Amino acid sequence: MKSIKYFCLTTIALLSFSVEGIAQAKPVSSRCDIYPKGDDHATKIVNCTYEQKRDGITITRSDGIKYQLKGKDNKYTDQYGKSASRQTDGSIIILRLNKESIYVYQGENAPSTSKH
């Protein structure tokens, strides 16, 4: 009977480590549309990566700007201690920050600005 109990506890422990590994997502190449707070027109559209982990979200824009949000349950704090929130609209992820909103389109690319 002790061996069954030991086997069950070992299995539960191994599964918990496996689930923790799944929660550590890899960055997803995305398009980020940046909207100033209260504005309905994007002032910038850039390529970015979106990474959601158990303890927060990291967005790295192709122009060098990085956002690090800590929290869970769609309520976060940015790297400056300001509150932020996460919403979804279909497949779009919307992050509402202190001075701007970021619309994340996973798997999409920003339009090319090069001229031929």
PDB file of N, CA and C in Angstrom:
ATOM      1  N   MET A   1       0.823  -1.191   0.000  1.00  0.00           N
ATOM      2  CA  MET A   1       0.000   0.000   0.000  1.00  0.00           C
ATOM      3  C   MET A   1       0.869   1.258   0.000  1.00  0.00           C
ATOM      4  N   LYS A   2       2.000   1.227   0.731  1.00  0.00           N
ATOM      5  CA  LYS A   2       2.891   2.381   0.754  1.00  0.00           C
ATOM      6  C   LYS A   2       3.480   2.644  -0.631  1.00  0.00           C
ATOM      7  N   SER A   3       3.769   1.570  -1.386  1.00  0.00           N
ATOM      8  CA  SER A   3       4.359   1.764  -2.711  1.00  0.00           C
ATOM      9  C   SER A   3       3.368   2.442  -3.658  1.00  0.00           C
ATOM     10  N   ILE A   4       2.087   2.159  -3.544  1.00  0.00           N
ATOM     11  CA  ILE A   4       1.074   2.808  -4.380  1.00  0.00           C
ATOM     12  C   ILE A   4       0.979   4.288  -4.013  1.00  0.00           C
ATOM     13  N   LYS A   5       0.988   4.570  -2.727  1.00  0.00           N
ATOM     14  CA  LYS A   5       0.934   5.960  -2.273  1.00  0.00           C
ATOM     15  C   LYS A   5       2.163   6.723  -2.766  1.00  0.00           C
ATOM     16  N   TYR A   6       3.348   6.106  -2.654  1.00  0.00           N
ATOM     17  CA  TYR A   6       4.579   6.731  -3.119  1.00  0.00           C
ATOM     18  C   TYR A   6       4.528   6.969  -4.628  1.00  0.00           C
ATOM     19  N   PHE A   7       4.023   5.989  -5.383  1.00  0.00           N
ATOM     20  CA  PHE A   7       3.900   6.114  -6.830  1.00  0.00           C
ATOM     21  C   PHE A   7       2.967   7.273  -7.197  1.00  0.00           C
ATOM     22  N   CYS A   8       1.842   7.382  -6.509  1.00  0.00           N
ATOM     23  CA  CYS A   8       0.888   8.460  -6.786  1.00  0.00           C
ATOM     24  C   CYS A   8       1.504   9.829  -6.501  1.00  0.00           C
ATOM     25  N   LEU A   9       2.194   9.962  -5.377  1.00  0.00           N
ATOM     26  CA  LEU A   9       2.823  11.233  -5.040  1.00  0.00           C
ATOM     27  C   LEU A   9       3.916  11.603  -6.045  1.00  0.00           C
ATOM     28  N   THR A  10       4.679  10.625  -6.473  1.00  0.00           N
ATOM     29  CA  THR A  10       5.730  10.871  -7.464  1.00  0.00           C
ATOM     30  C   THR A  10       5.118  11.304  -8.790  1.00  0.00           C
ATOM     31  N   THR A  11       4.051  10.638  -9.200  1.00  0.00           N
ATOM     32  CA  THR A  11       3.380  10.984 -10.461  1.00  0.00           C
ATOM     33  C   THR A  11       2.827  12.394 -10.409  1.00  0.00           C
ATOM     34  N   ILE A  12       2.211  12.763  -9.305  1.00  0.00           N
ATOM     35  CA  ILE A  12       1.660  14.121  -9.155  1.00  0.00           C
ATOM     36  C   ILE A  12       2.781  15.154  -9.220  1.00  0.00           C
ATOM     37  N   ALA A  13       3.882  14.876  -8.566  1.00  0.00           N
ATOM     38  CA  ALA A  13       5.014  15.813  -8.591  1.00  0.00           C
ATOM     39  C   ALA A  13       5.555  15.983 -10.006  1.00  0.00           C
ATOM     40  N   LEU A  14       5.715  14.889 -10.734  1.00  0.00           N
ATOM     41  CA  LEU A  14       6.218  14.974 -12.108  1.00  0.00           C
ATOM     42  C   LEU A  14       5.252  15.720 -13.014  1.00  0.00           C
ATOM     43  N   LEU A  15       3.969  15.487 -12.852  1.00  0.00           N
ATOM     44  CA  LEU A  15       2.977  16.199 -13.659  1.00  0.00           C
ATOM     45  C   LEU A  15       2.990  17.686 -13.366  1.00  0.00           C
ATOM     46  N   SER A  16       3.171  18.071 -12.128  1.00  0.00           N
ATOM     47  CA  SER A  16       3.189  19.495 -11.803  1.00  0.00           C
ATOM     48  C   SER A  16       4.382  20.182 -12.455  1.00  0.00           C
ATOM     49  N   PHE A  17       5.533  19.507 -12.537  1.00  0.00           N
ATOM     50  CA  PHE A  17       6.686  20.077 -13.236  1.00  0.00           C
ATOM     51  C   PHE A  17       6.412  20.175 -14.733  1.00  0.00           C
ATOM     52  N   SER A  18       5.720  19.196 -15.294  1.00  0.00           N
ATOM     53  CA  SER A  18       5.392  19.222 -16.719  1.00  0.00           C
ATOM     54  C   SER A  18       4.460  20.373 -17.043  1.00  0.00           C
ATOM     55  N   VAL A  19       3.441  20.587 -16.227  1.00  0.00           N
ATOM     56  CA  VAL A  19       2.494  21.670 -16.452  1.00  0.00           C
ATOM     57  C   VAL A  19       3.204  23.012 -16.319  1.00  0.00           C
ATOM     58  N   GLU A  20       4.111  23.151 -15.371  1.00  0.00           N
ATOM     59  CA  GLU A  20       4.863  24.396 -15.205  1.00  0.00           C
ATOM     60  C   GLU A  20       5.672  24.694 -16.457  1.00  0.00           C
ATOM     61  N   GLY A  21       6.241  23.661 -17.070  1.00  0.00           N
ATOM     62  CA  GLY A  21       7.004  23.864 -18.303  1.00  0.00           C
ATOM     63  C   GLY A  21       6.130  24.328 -19.445  1.00  0.00           C
ATOM     64  N   ILE A  22       4.899  23.847 -19.529  1.00  0.00           N
ATOM     65  CA  ILE A  22       3.969  24.268 -20.563  1.00  0.00           C
ATOM     66  C   ILE A  22       3.594  25.726 -20.371  1.00  0.00           C
ATOM     67  N   ALA A  23       3.467  26.178 -19.143  1.00  0.00           N
ATOM     68  CA  ALA A  23       3.061  27.548 -18.866  1.00  0.00           C
ATOM     69  C   ALA A  23       4.115  28.562 -19.304  1.00  0.00           C
ATOM     70  N   GLN A  24       5.350  28.125 -19.487  1.00  0.00           N
ATOM     71  CA  GLN A  24       6.420  29.017 -19.919  1.00  0.00           C
ATOM     72  C   GLN A  24       6.401  29.071 -21.446  1.00  0.00           C
ATOM     73  N   ALA A  25       5.566  29.929 -21.999  1.00  0.00           N
ATOM     74  CA  ALA A  25       5.385  30.023 -23.443  1.00  0.00           C
ATOM     75  C   ALA A  25       6.583  30.671 -24.118  1.00  0.00           C
ATOM     76  N   LYS A  26       6.752  30.367 -25.385  1.00  0.00           N
ATOM     77  CA  LYS A  26       7.803  30.972 -26.188  1.00  0.00           C
ATOM     78  C   LYS A  26       7.255  32.255 -26.809  1.00  0.00           C
ATOM     79  N   PRO A  27       8.139  33.204 -27.116  1.00  0.00           N
ATOM     80  CA  PRO A  27       7.687  34.443 -27.762  1.00  0.00           C
ATOM     81  C   PRO A  27       7.030  34.147 -29.112  1.00  0.00           C
ATOM     82  N   VAL A  28       5.957  34.867 -29.412  1.00  0.00           N
ATOM     83  CA  VAL A  28       5.238  34.709 -30.671  1.00  0.00           C
ATOM     84  C   VAL A  28       5.459  35.970 -31.504  1.00  0.00           C
ATOM     85  N   SER A  29       5.949  35.805 -32.714  1.00  0.00           N
ATOM     86  CA  SER A  29       6.105  36.945 -33.618  1.00  0.00           C
ATOM     87  C   SER A  29       4.734  37.526 -33.907  1.00  0.00           C
ATOM     88  N   SER A  30       4.617  38.843 -33.768  1.00  0.00           N
ATOM     89  CA  SER A  30       3.323  39.495 -33.857  1.00  0.00           C
ATOM     90  C   SER A  30       3.449  40.881 -34.469  1.00  0.00           C
ATOM     91  N   ARG A  31       2.303  41.512 -34.651  1.00  0.00           N
ATOM     92  CA  ARG A  31       2.228  42.918 -35.055  1.00  0.00           C
ATOM     93  C   ARG A  31       1.639  43.675 -33.886  1.00  0.00           C
ATOM     94  N   CYS A  32       2.240  44.803 -33.533  1.00  0.00           N
ATOM     95  CA  CYS A  32       1.723  45.634 -32.450  1.00  0.00           C
ATOM     96  C   CYS A  32       1.295  46.984 -33.007  1.00  0.00           C
ATOM     97  N   ASP A  33       0.040  47.333 -32.779  1.00  0.00           N
ATOM     98  CA  ASP A  33      -0.482  48.653 -33.126  1.00  0.00           C
ATOM     99  C   ASP A  33      -0.531  49.468 -31.845  1.00  0.00           C
ATOM    100  N   ILE A  34       0.093  50.640 -31.852  1.00  0.00           N
ATOM    101  CA  ILE A  34       0.205  51.470 -30.660  1.00  0.00           C
ATOM    102  C   ILE A  34      -0.769  52.650 -30.769  1.00  0.00           C
ATOM    103  N   TYR A  35      -1.649  52.758 -29.782  1.00  0.00           N
ATOM    104  CA  TYR A  35      -2.645  53.824 -29.718  1.00  0.00           C
ATOM    105  C   TYR A  35      -2.386  54.685 -28.478  1.00  0.00           C
ATOM    106  N   PRO A  36      -2.231  55.998 -28.636  1.00  0.00           N
ATOM    107  CA  PRO A  36      -2.156  56.851 -27.445  1.00  0.00           C
ATOM    108  C   PRO A  36      -3.461  56.726 -26.657  1.00  0.00           C
ATOM    109  N   LYS A  37      -3.385  56.885 -25.343  1.00  0.00           N
ATOM    110  CA  LYS A  37      -4.562  56.753 -24.488  1.00  0.00           C
ATOM    111  C   LYS A  37      -5.676  57.688 -24.963  1.00  0.00           C
ATOM    112  N   GLY A  38      -6.860  57.129 -25.160  1.00  0.00           N
ATOM    113  CA  GLY A  38      -8.028  57.898 -25.568  1.00  0.00           C
ATOM    114  C   GLY A  38      -8.131  58.157 -27.053  1.00  0.00           C
ATOM    115  N   ASP A  39      -7.154  57.708 -27.838  1.00  0.00           N
ATOM    116  CA  ASP A  39      -7.169  57.950 -29.277  1.00  0.00           C
ATOM    117  C   ASP A  39      -7.670  56.701 -29.996  1.00  0.00           C
ATOM    118  N   ASP A  40      -8.321  56.902 -31.149  1.00  0.00           N
ATOM    119  CA  ASP A  40      -8.812  55.755 -31.902  1.00  0.00           C
ATOM    120  C   ASP A  40      -8.033  55.534 -33.203  1.00  0.00           C
ATOM    121  N   HIS A  41      -6.875  56.144 -33.315  1.00  0.00           N
ATOM    122  CA  HIS A  41      -5.990  55.941 -34.460  1.00  0.00           C
ATOM    123  C   HIS A  41      -4.607  55.525 -33.962  1.00  0.00           C
ATOM    124  N   ALA A  42      -4.093  54.459 -34.559  1.00  0.00           N
ATOM    125  CA  ALA A  42      -2.745  53.998 -34.196  1.00  0.00           C
ATOM    126  C   ALA A  42      -1.717  55.012 -34.683  1.00  0.00           C
ATOM    127  N   THR A  43      -0.781  55.351 -33.808  1.00  0.00           N
ATOM    128  CA  THR A  43       0.298  56.262 -34.199  1.00  0.00           C
ATOM    129  C   THR A  43       1.524  55.496 -34.675  1.00  0.00           C
ATOM    130  N   LYS A  44       1.562  54.200 -34.392  1.00  0.00           N
ATOM    131  CA  LYS A  44       2.709  53.391 -34.800  1.00  0.00           C
ATOM    132  C   LYS A  44       2.251  51.950 -34.961  1.00  0.00           C
ATOM    133  N   ILE A  45       2.760  51.293 -35.995  1.00  0.00           N
ATOM    134  CA  ILE A  45       2.517  49.870 -36.223  1.00  0.00           C
ATOM    135  C   ILE A  45       3.883  49.237 -36.436  1.00  0.00           C
ATOM    136  N   VAL A  46       4.248  48.299 -35.556  1.00  0.00           N
ATOM    137  CA  VAL A  46       5.579  47.692 -35.600  1.00  0.00           C
ATOM    138  C   VAL A  46       5.495  46.185 -35.419  1.00  0.00           C
ATOM    139  N   ASN A  47       6.523  45.499 -35.877  1.00  0.00           N
ATOM    140  CA  ASN A  47       6.660  44.082 -35.548  1.00  0.00           C
ATOM    141  C   ASN A  47       7.065  43.978 -34.084  1.00  0.00           C
ATOM    142  N   CYS A  48       6.644  42.913 -33.441  1.00  0.00           N
ATOM    143  CA  CYS A  48       6.968  42.717 -32.025  1.00  0.00           C
ATOM    144  C   CYS A  48       6.908  41.233 -31.707  1.00  0.00           C
ATOM    145  N   THR A  49       7.358  40.885 -30.516  1.00  0.00           N
ATOM    146  CA  THR A  49       7.139  39.545 -30.000  1.00  0.00           C
ATOM    147  C   THR A  49       6.303  39.660 -28.737  1.00  0.00           C
ATOM    148  N   TYR A  50       5.403  38.708 -28.568  1.00  0.00           N
ATOM    149  CA  TYR A  50       4.513  38.662 -27.416  1.00  0.00           C
ATOM    150  C   TYR A  50       4.794  37.361 -26.685  1.00  0.00           C
ATOM    151  N   GLU A  51       5.050  37.477 -25.376  1.00  0.00           N
ATOM    152  CA  GLU A  51       5.321  36.292 -24.574  1.00  0.00           C
ATOM    153  C   GLU A  51       4.527  36.384 -23.278  1.00  0.00           C
ATOM    154  N   GLN A  52       3.671  35.395 -23.063  1.00  0.00           N
ATOM    155  CA  GLN A  52       2.904  35.360 -21.823  1.00  0.00           C
ATOM    156  C   GLN A  52       3.375  34.179 -20.994  1.00  0.00           C
ATOM    157  N   LYS A  53       3.802  34.492 -19.776  1.00  0.00           N
ATOM    158  CA  LYS A  53       4.240  33.470 -18.834  1.00  0.00           C
ATOM    159  C   LYS A  53       3.289  33.446 -17.652  1.00  0.00           C
ATOM    160  N   ARG A  54       3.568  32.561 -16.757  1.00  0.00           N
ATOM    161  CA  ARG A  54       2.719  32.405 -15.578  1.00  0.00           C
ATOM    162  C   ARG A  54       2.673  33.680 -14.743  1.00  0.00           C
ATOM    163  N   ASP A  55       3.787  34.414 -14.690  1.00  0.00           N
ATOM    164  CA  ASP A  55       3.858  35.588 -13.814  1.00  0.00           C
ATOM    165  C   ASP A  55       3.732  36.914 -14.554  1.00  0.00           C
ATOM    166  N   GLY A  56       3.500  36.895 -15.863  1.00  0.00           N
ATOM    167  CA  GLY A  56       3.354  38.158 -16.563  1.00  0.00           C
ATOM    168  C   GLY A  56       3.487  38.069 -18.067  1.00  0.00           C
ATOM    169  N   ILE A  57       3.637  39.231 -18.686  1.00  0.00           N
ATOM    170  CA  ILE A  57       3.692  39.371 -20.136  1.00  0.00           C
ATOM    171  C   ILE A  57       4.916  40.213 -20.495  1.00  0.00           C
ATOM    172  N   THR A  58       5.603  39.822 -21.564  1.00  0.00           N
ATOM    173  CA  THR A  58       6.686  40.627 -22.101  1.00  0.00           C
ATOM    174  C   THR A  58       6.405  40.878 -23.575  1.00  0.00           C
ATOM    175  N   ILE A  59       6.491  42.153 -23.962  1.00  0.00           N
ATOM    176  CA  ILE A  59       6.382  42.533 -25.369  1.00  0.00           C
ATOM    177  C   ILE A  59       7.668  43.251 -25.733  1.00  0.00           C
ATOM    178  N   THR A  60       8.289  42.804 -26.811  1.00  0.00           N
ATOM    179  CA  THR A  60       9.496  43.445 -27.309  1.00  0.00           C
ATOM    180  C   THR A  60       9.213  43.935 -28.722  1.00  0.00           C
ATOM    181  N   ARG A  61       9.257  45.260 -28.898  1.00  0.00           N
ATOM    182  CA  ARG A  61       8.986  45.857 -30.205  1.00  0.00           C
ATOM    183  C   ARG A  61      10.248  45.900 -31.053  1.00  0.00           C
ATOM    184  N   SER A  62      10.085  45.879 -32.368  1.00  0.00           N
ATOM    185  CA  SER A  62      11.226  45.897 -33.285  1.00  0.00           C
ATOM    186  C   SER A  62      11.973  47.231 -33.241  1.00  0.00           C
ATOM    187  N   ASP A  63      11.355  48.276 -32.678  1.00  0.00           N
ATOM    188  CA  ASP A  63      12.048  49.569 -32.561  1.00  0.00           C
ATOM    189  C   ASP A  63      12.782  49.717 -31.230  1.00  0.00           C
ATOM    190  N   GLY A  64      12.912  48.597 -30.488  1.00  0.00           N
ATOM    191  CA  GLY A  64      13.720  48.588 -29.274  1.00  0.00           C
ATOM    192  C   GLY A  64      12.968  48.824 -27.973  1.00  0.00           C
ATOM    193  N   ILE A  65      11.698  49.137 -28.030  1.00  0.00           N
ATOM    194  CA  ILE A  65      10.927  49.362 -26.805  1.00  0.00           C
ATOM    195  C   ILE A  65      10.439  48.019 -26.262  1.00  0.00           C
ATOM    196  N   LYS A  66      10.562  47.862 -24.933  1.00  0.00           N
ATOM    197  CA  LYS A  66      10.180  46.610 -24.283  1.00  0.00           C
ATOM    198  C   LYS A  66       9.225  46.904 -23.136  1.00  0.00           C
ATOM    199  N   TYR A  67       8.184  46.107 -23.032  1.00  0.00           N
ATOM    200  CA  TYR A  67       7.210  46.213 -21.947  1.00  0.00           C
ATOM    201  C   TYR A  67       7.293  44.939 -21.114  1.00  0.00           C
ATOM    202  N   GLN A  68       7.363  45.106 -19.807  1.00  0.00           N
ATOM    203  CA  GLN A  68       7.362  43.955 -18.915  1.00  0.00           C
ATOM    204  C   GLN A  68       6.239  44.153 -17.900  1.00  0.00           C
ATOM    205  N   LEU A  69       5.225  43.328 -18.020  1.00  0.00           N
ATOM    206  CA  LEU A  69       4.067  43.417 -17.137  1.00  0.00           C
ATOM    207  C   LEU A  69       4.073  42.230 -16.188  1.00  0.00           C
ATOM    208  N   LYS A  70       3.886  42.502 -14.918  1.00  0.00           N
ATOM    209  CA  LYS A  70       3.829  41.445 -13.906  1.00  0.00           C
ATOM    210  C   LYS A  70       2.418  41.392 -13.348  1.00  0.00           C
ATOM    211  N   GLY A  71       1.921  40.192 -13.134  1.00  0.00           N
ATOM    212  CA  GLY A  71       0.596  40.017 -12.563  1.00  0.00           C
ATOM    213  C   GLY A  71      -0.080  38.801 -13.149  1.00  0.00           C
ATOM    214  N   LYS A  72      -1.402  38.752 -12.993  1.00  0.00           N
ATOM    215  CA  LYS A  72      -2.204  37.651 -13.521  1.00  0.00           C
ATOM    216  C   LYS A  72      -3.660  38.072 -13.554  1.00  0.00           C
ATOM    217  N   ASP A  73      -4.494  37.193 -14.065  1.00  0.00           N
ATOM    218  CA  ASP A  73      -5.942  37.428 -14.131  1.00  0.00           C
ATOM    219  C   ASP A  73      -6.274  38.758 -14.809  1.00  0.00           C
ATOM    220  N   ASN A  74      -5.531  39.084 -15.859  1.00  0.00           N
ATOM    221  CA  ASN A  74      -5.746  40.282 -16.676  1.00  0.00           C
ATOM    222  C   ASN A  74      -5.471  41.595 -15.954  1.00  0.00           C
ATOM    223  N   LYS A  75      -4.884  41.550 -14.761  1.00  0.00           N
ATOM    224  CA  LYS A  75      -4.502  42.755 -14.022  1.00  0.00           C
ATOM    225  C   LYS A  75      -3.001  42.717 -13.802  1.00  0.00           C
ATOM    226  N   TYR A  76      -2.331  43.763 -14.277  1.00  0.00           N
ATOM    227  CA  TYR A  76      -0.879  43.771 -14.277  1.00  0.00           C
ATOM    228  C   TYR A  76      -0.333  45.095 -13.760  1.00  0.00           C
ATOM    229  N   THR A  77       0.973  45.095 -13.536  1.00  0.00           N
ATOM    230  CA  THR A  77       1.727  46.296 -13.210  1.00  0.00           C
ATOM    231  C   THR A  77       2.887  46.349 -14.190  1.00  0.00           C
ATOM    232  N   ASP A  78       3.119  47.529 -14.804  1.00  0.00           N
ATOM    233  CA  ASP A  78       4.221  47.626 -15.752  1.00  0.00           C
ATOM    234  C   ASP A  78       5.548  47.829 -15.027  1.00  0.00           C
ATOM    235  N   GLN A  79       6.633  47.948 -15.782  1.00  0.00           N
ATOM    236  CA  GLN A  79       7.961  48.062 -15.187  1.00  0.00           C
ATOM    237  C   GLN A  79       8.158  49.359 -14.413  1.00  0.00           C
ATOM    238  N   TYR A  80       7.212  50.302 -14.536  1.00  0.00           N
ATOM    239  CA  TYR A  80       7.288  51.571 -13.804  1.00  0.00           C
ATOM    240  C   TYR A  80       6.341  51.613 -12.610  1.00  0.00           C
ATOM    241  N   GLY A  81       5.655  50.491 -12.338  1.00  0.00           N
ATOM    242  CA  GLY A  81       4.745  50.424 -11.203  1.00  0.00           C
ATOM    243  C   GLY A  81       3.340  50.914 -11.502  1.00  0.00           C
ATOM    244  N   LYS A  82       3.052  51.235 -12.748  1.00  0.00           N
ATOM    245  CA  LYS A  82       1.721  51.705 -13.147  1.00  0.00           C
ATOM    246  C   LYS A  82       0.830  50.508 -13.468  1.00  0.00           C
ATOM    247  N   SER A  83      -0.466  50.652 -13.195  1.00  0.00           N
ATOM    248  CA  SER A  83      -1.384  49.545 -13.457  1.00  0.00           C
ATOM    249  C   SER A  83      -1.634  49.397 -14.956  1.00  0.00           C
ATOM    250  N   ALA A  84      -1.887  48.174 -15.358  1.00  0.00           N
ATOM    251  CA  ALA A  84      -2.165  47.827 -16.748  1.00  0.00           C
ATOM    252  C   ALA A  84      -3.180  46.696 -16.746  1.00  0.00           C
ATOM    253  N   SER A  85      -3.861  46.522 -17.864  1.00  0.00           N
ATOM    254  CA  SER A  85      -4.817  45.421 -17.960  1.00  0.00           C
ATOM    255  C   SER A  85      -4.709  44.758 -19.322  1.00  0.00           C
ATOM    256  N   ARG A  86      -5.200  43.531 -19.382  1.00  0.00           N
ATOM    257  CA  ARG A  86      -5.191  42.741 -20.610  1.00  0.00           C
ATOM    258  C   ARG A  86      -6.626  42.378 -20.948  1.00  0.00           C
ATOM    259  N   GLN A  87      -6.996  42.591 -22.200  1.00  0.00           N
ATOM    260  CA  GLN A  87      -8.317  42.205 -22.695  1.00  0.00           C
ATOM    261  C   GLN A  87      -8.123  41.428 -23.992  1.00  0.00           C
ATOM    262  N   THR A  88      -9.150  40.739 -24.413  1.00  0.00           N
ATOM    263  CA  THR A  88      -9.126  40.110 -25.722  1.00  0.00           C
ATOM    264  C   THR A  88     -10.363  40.526 -26.493  1.00  0.00           C
ATOM    265  N   ASP A  89     -10.192  40.640 -27.803  1.00  0.00           N
ATOM    266  CA  ASP A  89     -11.298  40.912 -28.715  1.00  0.00           C
ATOM    267  C   ASP A  89     -11.127  39.921 -29.857  1.00  0.00           C
ATOM    268  N   GLY A  90     -11.754  38.771 -29.722  1.00  0.00           N
ATOM    269  CA  GLY A  90     -11.512  37.685 -30.666  1.00  0.00           C
ATOM    270  C   GLY A  90     -10.091  37.202 -30.482  1.00  0.00           C
ATOM    271  N   SER A  91      -9.297  37.247 -31.549  1.00  0.00           N
ATOM    272  CA  SER A  91      -7.909  36.797 -31.457  1.00  0.00           C
ATOM    273  C   SER A  91      -6.946  37.937 -31.140  1.00  0.00           C
ATOM    274  N   ILE A  92      -7.455  39.158 -31.010  1.00  0.00           N
ATOM    275  CA  ILE A  92      -6.616  40.316 -30.722  1.00  0.00           C
ATOM    276  C   ILE A  92      -6.419  40.452 -29.217  1.00  0.00           C
ATOM    277  N   ILE A  93      -5.179  40.661 -28.792  1.00  0.00           N
ATOM    278  CA  ILE A  93      -4.877  40.912 -27.388  1.00  0.00           C
ATOM    279  C   ILE A  93      -4.692  42.411 -27.227  1.00  0.00           C
ATOM    280  N   ILE A  94      -5.401  43.004 -26.288  1.00  0.00           N
ATOM    281  CA  ILE A  94      -5.319  44.439 -26.052  1.00  0.00           C
ATOM    282  C   ILE A  94      -4.731  44.672 -24.671  1.00  0.00           C
ATOM    283  N   LEU A  95      -3.629  45.388 -24.629  1.00  0.00           N
ATOM    284  CA  LEU A  95      -3.007  45.749 -23.354  1.00  0.00           C
ATOM    285  C   LEU A  95      -3.229  47.241 -23.147  1.00  0.00           C
ATOM    286  N   ARG A  96      -3.879  47.572 -22.047  1.00  0.00           N
ATOM    287  CA  ARG A  96      -4.156  48.969 -21.723  1.00  0.00           C
ATOM    288  C   ARG A  96      -3.156  49.413 -20.666  1.00  0.00           C
ATOM    289  N   LEU A  97      -2.278  50.336 -21.057  1.00  0.00           N
ATOM    290  CA  LEU A  97      -1.252  50.855 -20.165  1.00  0.00           C
ATOM    291  C   LEU A  97      -1.607  52.271 -19.742  1.00  0.00           C
ATOM    292  N   ASN A  98      -0.756  52.878 -18.957  1.00  0.00           N
ATOM    293  CA  ASN A  98      -1.007  54.213 -18.419  1.00  0.00           C
ATOM    294  C   ASN A  98      -1.197  55.271 -19.509  1.00  0.00           C
ATOM    295  N   LYS A  99      -0.332  55.244 -20.533  1.00  0.00           N
ATOM    296  CA  LYS A  99      -0.367  56.295 -21.553  1.00  0.00           C
ATOM    297  C   LYS A  99      -0.725  55.805 -22.953  1.00  0.00           C
ATOM    298  N   GLU A 100      -0.894  54.495 -23.107  1.00  0.00           N
ATOM    299  CA  GLU A 100      -1.190  53.964 -24.436  1.00  0.00           C
ATOM    300  C   GLU A 100      -1.836  52.592 -24.342  1.00  0.00           C
ATOM    301  N   SER A 101      -2.385  52.168 -25.466  1.00  0.00           N
ATOM    302  CA  SER A 101      -2.911  50.816 -25.608  1.00  0.00           C
ATOM    303  C   SER A 101      -2.144  50.127 -26.716  1.00  0.00           C
ATOM    304  N   ILE A 102      -1.896  48.846 -26.536  1.00  0.00           N
ATOM    305  CA  ILE A 102      -1.179  48.050 -27.527  1.00  0.00           C
ATOM    306  C   ILE A 102      -2.112  46.944 -27.992  1.00  0.00           C
ATOM    307  N   TYR A 103      -2.365  46.911 -29.292  1.00  0.00           N
ATOM    308  CA  TYR A 103      -3.163  45.851 -29.888  1.00  0.00           C
ATOM    309  C   TYR A 103      -2.188  44.860 -30.507  1.00  0.00           C
ATOM    310  N   VAL A 104      -2.232  43.615 -30.039  1.00  0.00           N
ATOM    311  CA  VAL A 104      -1.292  42.590 -30.480  1.00  0.00           C
ATOM    312  C   VAL A 104      -2.023  41.612 -31.399  1.00  0.00           C
ATOM    313  N   TYR A 105      -1.512  41.490 -32.623  1.00  0.00           N
ATOM    314  CA  TYR A 105      -2.038  40.555 -33.609  1.00  0.00           C
ATOM    315  C   TYR A 105      -1.008  39.445 -33.777  1.00  0.00           C
ATOM    316  N   GLN A 106      -1.224  38.333 -33.071  1.00  0.00           N
ATOM    317  CA  GLN A 106      -0.242  37.252 -33.075  1.00  0.00           C
ATOM    318  C   GLN A 106      -0.147  36.607 -34.455  1.00  0.00           C
ATOM    319  N   GLY A 107       1.091  36.342 -34.861  1.00  0.00           N
ATOM    320  CA  GLY A 107       1.330  35.678 -36.137  1.00  0.00           C
ATOM    321  C   GLY A 107       1.241  36.596 -37.342  1.00  0.00           C
ATOM    322  N   GLU A 108       1.016  37.882 -37.141  1.00  0.00           N
ATOM    323  CA  GLU A 108       0.949  38.833 -38.252  1.00  0.00           C
ATOM    324  C   GLU A 108       2.207  39.694 -38.266  1.00  0.00           C
ATOM    325  N   ASN A 109       2.460  40.324 -39.416  1.00  0.00           N
ATOM    326  CA  ASN A 109       3.592  41.234 -39.562  1.00  0.00           C
ATOM    327  C   ASN A 109       3.093  42.643 -39.827  1.00  0.00           C
ATOM    328  N   ALA A 110       3.864  43.620 -39.372  1.00  0.00           N
ATOM    329  CA  ALA A 110       3.553  45.017 -39.672  1.00  0.00           C
ATOM    330  C   ALA A 110       3.747  45.233 -41.171  1.00  0.00           C
ATOM    331  N   PRO A 111       2.955  46.142 -41.753  1.00  0.00           N
ATOM    332  CA  PRO A 111       3.140  46.418 -43.183  1.00  0.00           C
ATOM    333  C   PRO A 111       4.542  46.989 -43.443  1.00  0.00           C
ATOM    334  N   SER A 112       5.085  46.649 -44.571  1.00  0.00           N
ATOM    335  CA  SER A 112       6.418  47.133 -44.946  1.00  0.00           C
ATOM    336  C   SER A 112       6.357  48.613 -45.275  1.00  0.00           C
ATOM    337  N   THR A 113       7.358  49.358 -44.798  1.00  0.00           N
ATOM    338  CA  THR A 113       7.405  50.794 -45.074  1.00  0.00           C
ATOM    339  C   THR A 113       8.414  51.114 -46.156  1.00  0.00           C
ATOM    340  N   SER A 114       9.076  50.091 -46.715  1.00  0.00           N
ATOM    341  CA  SER A 114      10.079  50.338 -47.748  1.00  0.00           C
ATOM    342  C   SER A 114       9.393  50.702 -49.066  1.00  0.00           C
ATOM    343  N   LYS A 115      10.049  51.583 -49.827  1.00  0.00           N
ATOM    344  CA  LYS A 115       9.516  52.016 -51.115  1.00  0.00           C
ATOM    345  C   LYS A 115      10.388  51.478 -52.228  1.00  0.00           C
ATOM    346  N   HIS A 116       9.749  51.043 -53.271  1.00  0.00           N
ATOM    347  CA  HIS A 116      10.478  50.429 -54.388  1.00  0.00           C
ATOM    348  C   HIS A 116      10.825  51.450 -55.425  1.00  0.00           C
TER     349      HIS A 116
END
